[in-house]
C-alpha atoms as a PDB file:
ATOM      1  CA  CYS A   1     129.013  44.711  94.106  1.00  0.00           C
ATOM      2  CA  TYR A   2     127.647  41.221  93.478  1.00  0.00           C
ATOM      3  CA  TYR A   3     127.873  40.474  97.189  1.00  0.00           C
ATOM      4  CA  ARG A   4     125.943  43.643  97.972  1.00  0.00           C
ATOM      5  CA  LEU A   5     123.268  42.811  95.386  1.00  0.00           C
ATOM      6  CA  THR A   6     122.946  39.275  96.728  1.00  0.00           C
ATOM      7  CA  VAL A   7     122.678  40.367 100.356  1.00  0.00           C
ATOM      8  CA  ALA A   8     120.142  43.083  99.588  1.00  0.00           C
ATOM      9  CA  GLY A   9     118.073  40.694  97.481  1.00  0.00           C
ATOM     10  CA  LEU A  10     118.115  38.032 100.178  1.00  0.00           C
ATOM     11  CA  LEU A  11     117.139  40.567 102.834  1.00  0.00           C
ATOM     12  CA  ILE A  12     114.174  41.698 100.751  1.00  0.00           C
ATOM     13  CA  LEU A  13     113.174  38.083 100.095  1.00  0.00           C
ATOM     14  CA  GLY A  14     113.606  37.101 103.746  1.00  0.00           C
ATOM     15  CA  ALA A  15     111.567  40.015 105.048  1.00  0.00           C
ATOM     16  CA  SER A  16     108.758  39.683 102.533  1.00  0.00           C
ATOM     17  CA  ALA A  17     108.403  35.925 102.048  1.00  0.00           C
ATOM     18  CA  TYR A  18     109.610  34.529 105.372  1.00  0.00           C
ATOM     19  CA  ALA A  19     108.609  37.261 107.817  1.00  0.00           C
ATOM     20  CA  GLU A  20     107.049  34.766 110.244  1.00  0.00           C
ATOM     21  CA  VAL A  21     110.171  32.599 110.437  1.00  0.00           C
ATOM     22  CA  ILE A  22     112.978  35.161 110.216  1.00  0.00           C
ATOM     23  CA  SER A  23     113.127  38.107 112.585  1.00  0.00           C
ATOM     24  CA  PHE A  24     114.260  40.598 109.936  1.00  0.00           C
ATOM     25  CA  GLY A  25     112.383  43.804 110.529  1.00  0.00           C
ATOM     26  CA  ALA A  26     110.985  42.518 113.825  1.00  0.00           C
ATOM     27  CA  GLN A  27     110.935  46.002 115.285  1.00  0.00           C
ATOM     28  CA  ASP A  28     109.943  48.016 112.210  1.00  0.00           C
ATOM     29  CA  THR A  29     109.057  45.987 109.127  1.00  0.00           C
ATOM     30  CA  ARG A  30     108.310  49.002 106.957  1.00  0.00           C
ATOM     31  CA  LEU A  31     111.682  50.632 107.712  1.00  0.00           C
ATOM     32  CA  PHE A  32     113.434  47.323 107.086  1.00  0.00           C
ATOM     33  CA  LEU A  33     111.832  46.751 103.681  1.00  0.00           C
ATOM     34  CA  ARG A  34     112.377  50.335 102.541  1.00  0.00           C
ATOM     35  CA  THR A  35     116.005  50.234 103.637  1.00  0.00           C
ATOM     36  CA  ALA A  36     116.560  46.848 101.967  1.00  0.00           C
ATOM     37  CA  VAL A  37     115.115  48.166  98.703  1.00  0.00           C
ATOM     38  CA  LEU A  38     117.307  51.274  99.010  1.00  0.00           C
ATOM     39  CA  TYR A  39     120.295  49.005  99.656  1.00  0.00           C
ATOM     40  CA  PHE A  40     119.476  47.020  96.505  1.00  0.00           C
ATOM     41  CA  ALA A  41     119.135  50.218  94.462  1.00  0.00           C
ATOM     42  CA  GLY A  42     122.403  51.514  95.909  1.00  0.00           C
ATOM     43  CA  ALA A  43     124.101  48.244  95.007  1.00  0.00           C
ATOM     44  CA  ILE A  44     122.924  48.603  91.411  1.00  0.00           C
ATOM     45  CA  ALA A  45     124.154  52.203  91.305  1.00  0.00           C
ATOM     46  CA  MET A  46     127.534  51.164  92.712  1.00  0.00           C
ATOM     47  CA  ALA A  47     127.822  48.361  90.152  1.00  0.00           C
ATOM     48  CA  VAL A  48     127.211  50.868  87.364  1.00  0.00           C
ATOM     49  CA  THR A  49     129.902  53.220  88.681  1.00  0.00           C
ATOM     50  CA  VAL A  50     132.370  50.336  88.937  1.00  0.00           C
ATOM     51  CA  HIS A  51     131.795  49.380  85.305  1.00  0.00           C
ATOM     52  CA  ARG A  52     132.096  53.000  84.179  1.00  0.00           C
ATOM     53  CA  ARG A  53     135.276  53.405  86.268  1.00  0.00           C
ATOM     54  CA  ALA A  54     134.175  56.830  87.422  1.00  0.00           C
ATOM     55  CA  PRO A  55     134.666  58.340  89.950  1.00  0.00           C
ATOM     56  CA  SER A  56     138.110  57.244  91.117  1.00  0.00           C
ATOM     57  CA  PHE A  57     138.627  53.891  92.817  1.00  0.00           C
ATOM     58  CA  SER A  58     139.243  55.365  96.280  1.00  0.00           C
ATOM     59  CA  THR A  59     136.104  57.510  96.005  1.00  0.00           C
ATOM     60  CA  GLN A  60     134.047  54.492  94.954  1.00  0.00           C
ATOM     61  CA  LEU A  61     135.445  52.400  97.805  1.00  0.00           C
ATOM     62  CA  THR A  62     134.680  55.118 100.338  1.00  0.00           C
ATOM     63  CA  LEU A  63     131.120  55.595  99.069  1.00  0.00           C
ATOM     64  CA  GLN A  64     130.475  51.852  99.007  1.00  0.00           C
ATOM     65  CA  ALA A  65     131.818  51.275 102.513  1.00  0.00           C
ATOM     66  CA  LEU A  66     129.894  54.204 103.984  1.00  0.00           C
ATOM     67  CA  LEU A  67     126.709  53.138 102.186  1.00  0.00           C
ATOM     68  CA  ASP A  68     127.083  49.617 103.583  1.00  0.00           C
ATOM     69  CA  ILE A  69     127.712  50.847 107.116  1.00  0.00           C
ATOM     70  CA  PHE A  70     124.830  53.319 107.120  1.00  0.00           C
ATOM     71  CA  LEU A  71     122.229  51.033 105.562  1.00  0.00           C
ATOM     72  CA  LEU A  72     123.267  47.950 107.535  1.00  0.00           C
ATOM     73  CA  THR A  73     122.944  49.999 110.726  1.00  0.00           C
ATOM     74  CA  LEU A  74     119.411  50.994 109.721  1.00  0.00           C
ATOM     75  CA  LEU A  75     118.568  47.380 108.884  1.00  0.00           C
ATOM     76  CA  MET A  76     119.978  46.297 112.224  1.00  0.00           C
ATOM     77  CA  TYR A  77     117.928  48.930 114.058  1.00  0.00           C
ATOM     78  CA  ALA A  78     114.735  47.843 112.284  1.00  0.00           C
ATOM     79  CA  SER A  79     115.467  44.237 113.275  1.00  0.00           C
ATOM     80  CA  GLY A  80     115.999  44.789 116.982  1.00  0.00           C
ATOM     81  CA  GLY A  81     119.635  45.884 117.236  1.00  0.00           C
ATOM     82  CA  GLN A  82     122.869  43.954 117.445  1.00  0.00           C
ATOM     83  CA  LYS A  83     121.020  40.867 118.661  1.00  0.00           C
ATOM     84  CA  SER A  84     119.673  40.430 115.123  1.00  0.00           C
ATOM     85  CA  GLY A  85     123.166  39.542 113.887  1.00  0.00           C
ATOM     86  CA  LEU A  86     122.996  41.952 110.958  1.00  0.00           C
ATOM     87  CA  GLY A  87     125.887  43.952 112.385  1.00  0.00           C
ATOM     88  CA  MET A  88     128.160  41.070 111.467  1.00  0.00           C
ATOM     89  CA  LEU A  89     127.574  41.859 107.800  1.00  0.00           C
ATOM     90  CA  MET A  90     129.707  44.950 108.371  1.00  0.00           C
ATOM     91  CA  LEU A  91     132.666  42.629 108.951  1.00  0.00           C
ATOM     92  CA  VAL A  92     132.491  41.587 105.302  1.00  0.00           C
ATOM     93  CA  THR A  93     132.497  45.226 104.222  1.00  0.00           C
ATOM     94  CA  LEU A  94     135.509  45.950 106.415  1.00  0.00           C
ATOM     95  CA  ALA A  95     137.356  42.854 105.214  1.00  0.00           C
ATOM     96  CA  GLY A  96     136.771  43.747 101.577  1.00  0.00           C
ATOM     97  CA  SER A  97     137.781  47.347 102.168  1.00  0.00           C
ATOM     98  CA  GLY A  98     140.911  46.202 103.951  1.00  0.00           C
ATOM     99  CA  LEU A  99     141.933  43.910 101.130  1.00  0.00           C
ATOM    100  CA  VAL A 100     141.563  46.459  98.340  1.00  0.00           C
ATOM    101  CA  GLY A 101     141.822  49.762 100.195  1.00  0.00           C
ATOM    102  CA  GLU A 102     144.841  51.894 100.750  1.00  0.00           C
ATOM    103  CA  GLY A 103     146.455  53.108 103.935  1.00  0.00           C
ATOM    104  CA  ARG A 104     144.535  54.177 106.969  1.00  0.00           C
ATOM    105  CA  MET A 105     141.129  54.436 105.309  1.00  0.00           C
ATOM    106  CA  VAL A 106     140.417  50.922 106.538  1.00  0.00           C
ATOM    107  CA  LEU A 107     140.733  52.125 110.130  1.00  0.00           C
ATOM    108  CA  PHE A 108     138.451  55.035 109.276  1.00  0.00           C
ATOM    109  CA  PHE A 109     135.807  52.602 108.037  1.00  0.00           C
ATOM    110  CA  ALA A 110     136.168  50.512 111.212  1.00  0.00           C
ATOM    111  CA  SER A 111     135.781  53.703 113.253  1.00  0.00           C
ATOM    112  CA  VAL A 112     132.656  54.758 111.380  1.00  0.00           C
ATOM    113  CA  ALA A 113     131.160  51.279 111.777  1.00  0.00           C
ATOM    114  CA  SER A 114     131.942  51.311 115.503  1.00  0.00           C
ATOM    115  CA  VAL A 115     130.420  54.752 116.011  1.00  0.00           C
ATOM    116  CA  ALA A 116     127.323  53.686 114.057  1.00  0.00           C
ATOM    117  CA  MET A 117     126.926  50.546 116.185  1.00  0.00           C
ATOM    118  CA  LEU A 118     127.404  52.467 119.434  1.00  0.00           C
ATOM    119  CA  LEU A 119     124.983  55.208 118.399  1.00  0.00           C
ATOM    120  CA  GLU A 120     122.381  52.614 117.425  1.00  0.00           C
ATOM    121  CA  GLN A 121     122.818  50.855 120.762  1.00  0.00           C
ATOM    122  CA  GLY A 122     122.682  54.145 122.668  1.00  0.00           C
ATOM    123  CA  TRP A 123     119.485  55.171 120.873  1.00  0.00           C
ATOM    124  CA  ARG A 124     118.004  51.744 121.537  1.00  0.00           C
ATOM    125  CA  THR A 125     118.857  51.995 125.231  1.00  0.00           C
ATOM    126  CA  LEU A 126     117.337  55.467 125.547  1.00  0.00           C
ATOM    127  CA  ARG A 127     114.231  54.714 123.513  1.00  0.00           C
ATOM    128  CA  PHE A 128     113.424  51.152 124.539  1.00  0.00           C
ATOM    129  CA  ASP A 129     115.007  50.911 127.986  1.00  0.00           C
ATOM    130  CA  GLY A 130     117.673  48.485 126.804  1.00  0.00           C
ATOM    131  CA  ASP A 131     119.976  46.430 128.966  1.00  0.00           C
ATOM    132  CA  SER A 132     123.449  47.794 129.728  1.00  0.00           C
ATOM    133  CA  VAL A 133     124.918  44.350 128.956  1.00  0.00           C
ATOM    134  CA  ASP A 134     124.086  45.030 125.317  1.00  0.00           C
ATOM    135  CA  PHE A 135     126.754  47.748 125.305  1.00  0.00           C
ATOM    136  CA  PHE A 136     129.347  45.127 126.184  1.00  0.00           C
ATOM    137  CA  ARG A 137     128.250  42.939 123.269  1.00  0.00           C
ATOM    138  CA  THR A 138     128.255  45.944 120.966  1.00  0.00           C
ATOM    139  CA  GLY A 139     131.733  46.850 122.205  1.00  0.00           C
ATOM    140  CA  LEU A 140     132.973  43.358 121.369  1.00  0.00           C
ATOM    141  CA  ILE A 141     131.577  43.675 117.859  1.00  0.00           C
ATOM    142  CA  CYS A 142     133.312  47.050 117.509  1.00  0.00           C
ATOM    143  CA  VAL A 143     136.618  45.513 118.580  1.00  0.00           C
ATOM    144  CA  SER A 144     136.106  42.793 115.977  1.00  0.00           C
ATOM    145  CA  PHE A 145     135.655  45.532 113.356  1.00  0.00           C
ATOM    146  CA  PHE A 146     139.139  46.834 114.085  1.00  0.00           C
ATOM    147  CA  VAL A 147     140.653  43.356 114.236  1.00  0.00           C
ATOM    148  CA  MET A 148     139.124  42.480 110.870  1.00  0.00           C
ATOM    149  CA  ALA A 149     140.203  45.759 109.263  1.00  0.00           C
ATOM    150  CA  ILE A 150     143.794  45.472 110.488  1.00  0.00           C
ATOM    151  CA  THR A 151     144.071  41.796 109.593  1.00  0.00           C
ATOM    152  CA  ALA A 152     142.715  42.336 106.088  1.00  0.00           C
ATOM    153  CA  ARG A 153     145.084  45.266 105.554  1.00  0.00           C
ATOM    154  CA  LEU A 154     148.088  43.243 106.722  1.00  0.00           C
ATOM    155  CA  LEU A 155     147.104  40.368 104.441  1.00  0.00           C
ATOM    156  CA  ALA A 156     146.785  42.745 101.502  1.00  0.00           C
ATOM    157  CA  ARG A 157     150.249  44.138 102.190  1.00  0.00           C
ATOM    158  CA  ARG A 158     151.657  40.635 102.322  1.00  0.00           C
ATOM    159  CA  VAL A 159     150.067  39.731  98.989  1.00  0.00           C
ATOM    160  CA  VAL A 160     151.521  42.860  97.368  1.00  0.00           C
ATOM    161  CA  ALA A 161     154.969  42.090  98.783  1.00  0.00           C
ATOM    162  CA  ASN A 162     154.791  38.481  97.549  1.00  0.00           C
ATOM    163  CA  GLU A 163     153.657  39.679  94.125  1.00  0.00           C
ATOM    164  CA  GLU A 164     156.614  42.055  93.883  1.00  0.00           C
ATOM    165  CA  LEU A 165     158.971  39.282  95.004  1.00  0.00           C
ATOM    166  CA  ALA A 166     157.542  36.946  92.360  1.00  0.00           C
ATOM    167  CA  ARG A 167     158.011  39.593  89.660  1.00  0.00           C
ATOM    168  CA  ALA A 168     161.622  40.134  90.711  1.00  0.00           C
END
């Protein structure tokens, strides 16, 4: 939650104070700022639910991951697509979900992130006459989503196994 608050705060600061230097919101500044503020508000709401421990952990994790994916995709769209680099922030979400999540949900999150990236790129291509090479770059990012999710899940399993061995 602190990561989410920090990222959202820095995105708001970067878009409002350093708009000339940083290309955040280069395509649609208003959408970027509104989405960044919504992301910050969502991060606060998620922090409150974590401290209250309600709803269940798996429900919180699912809501947080989906919120991150959806809002980061909007931020990426407002900034000019995958070339903005904001899509890479989804890797952190997937890594965190993989480390604390259970079972196949991590692959579900990677799938949702991939579909979101591909839909954003498809919309960009249709609306702005984008280059087909951008689909290749987007595809590579989507593959990295799955690699990150699987790697984080395997590392989490290993930690649990080592913890059980240490207890024994």
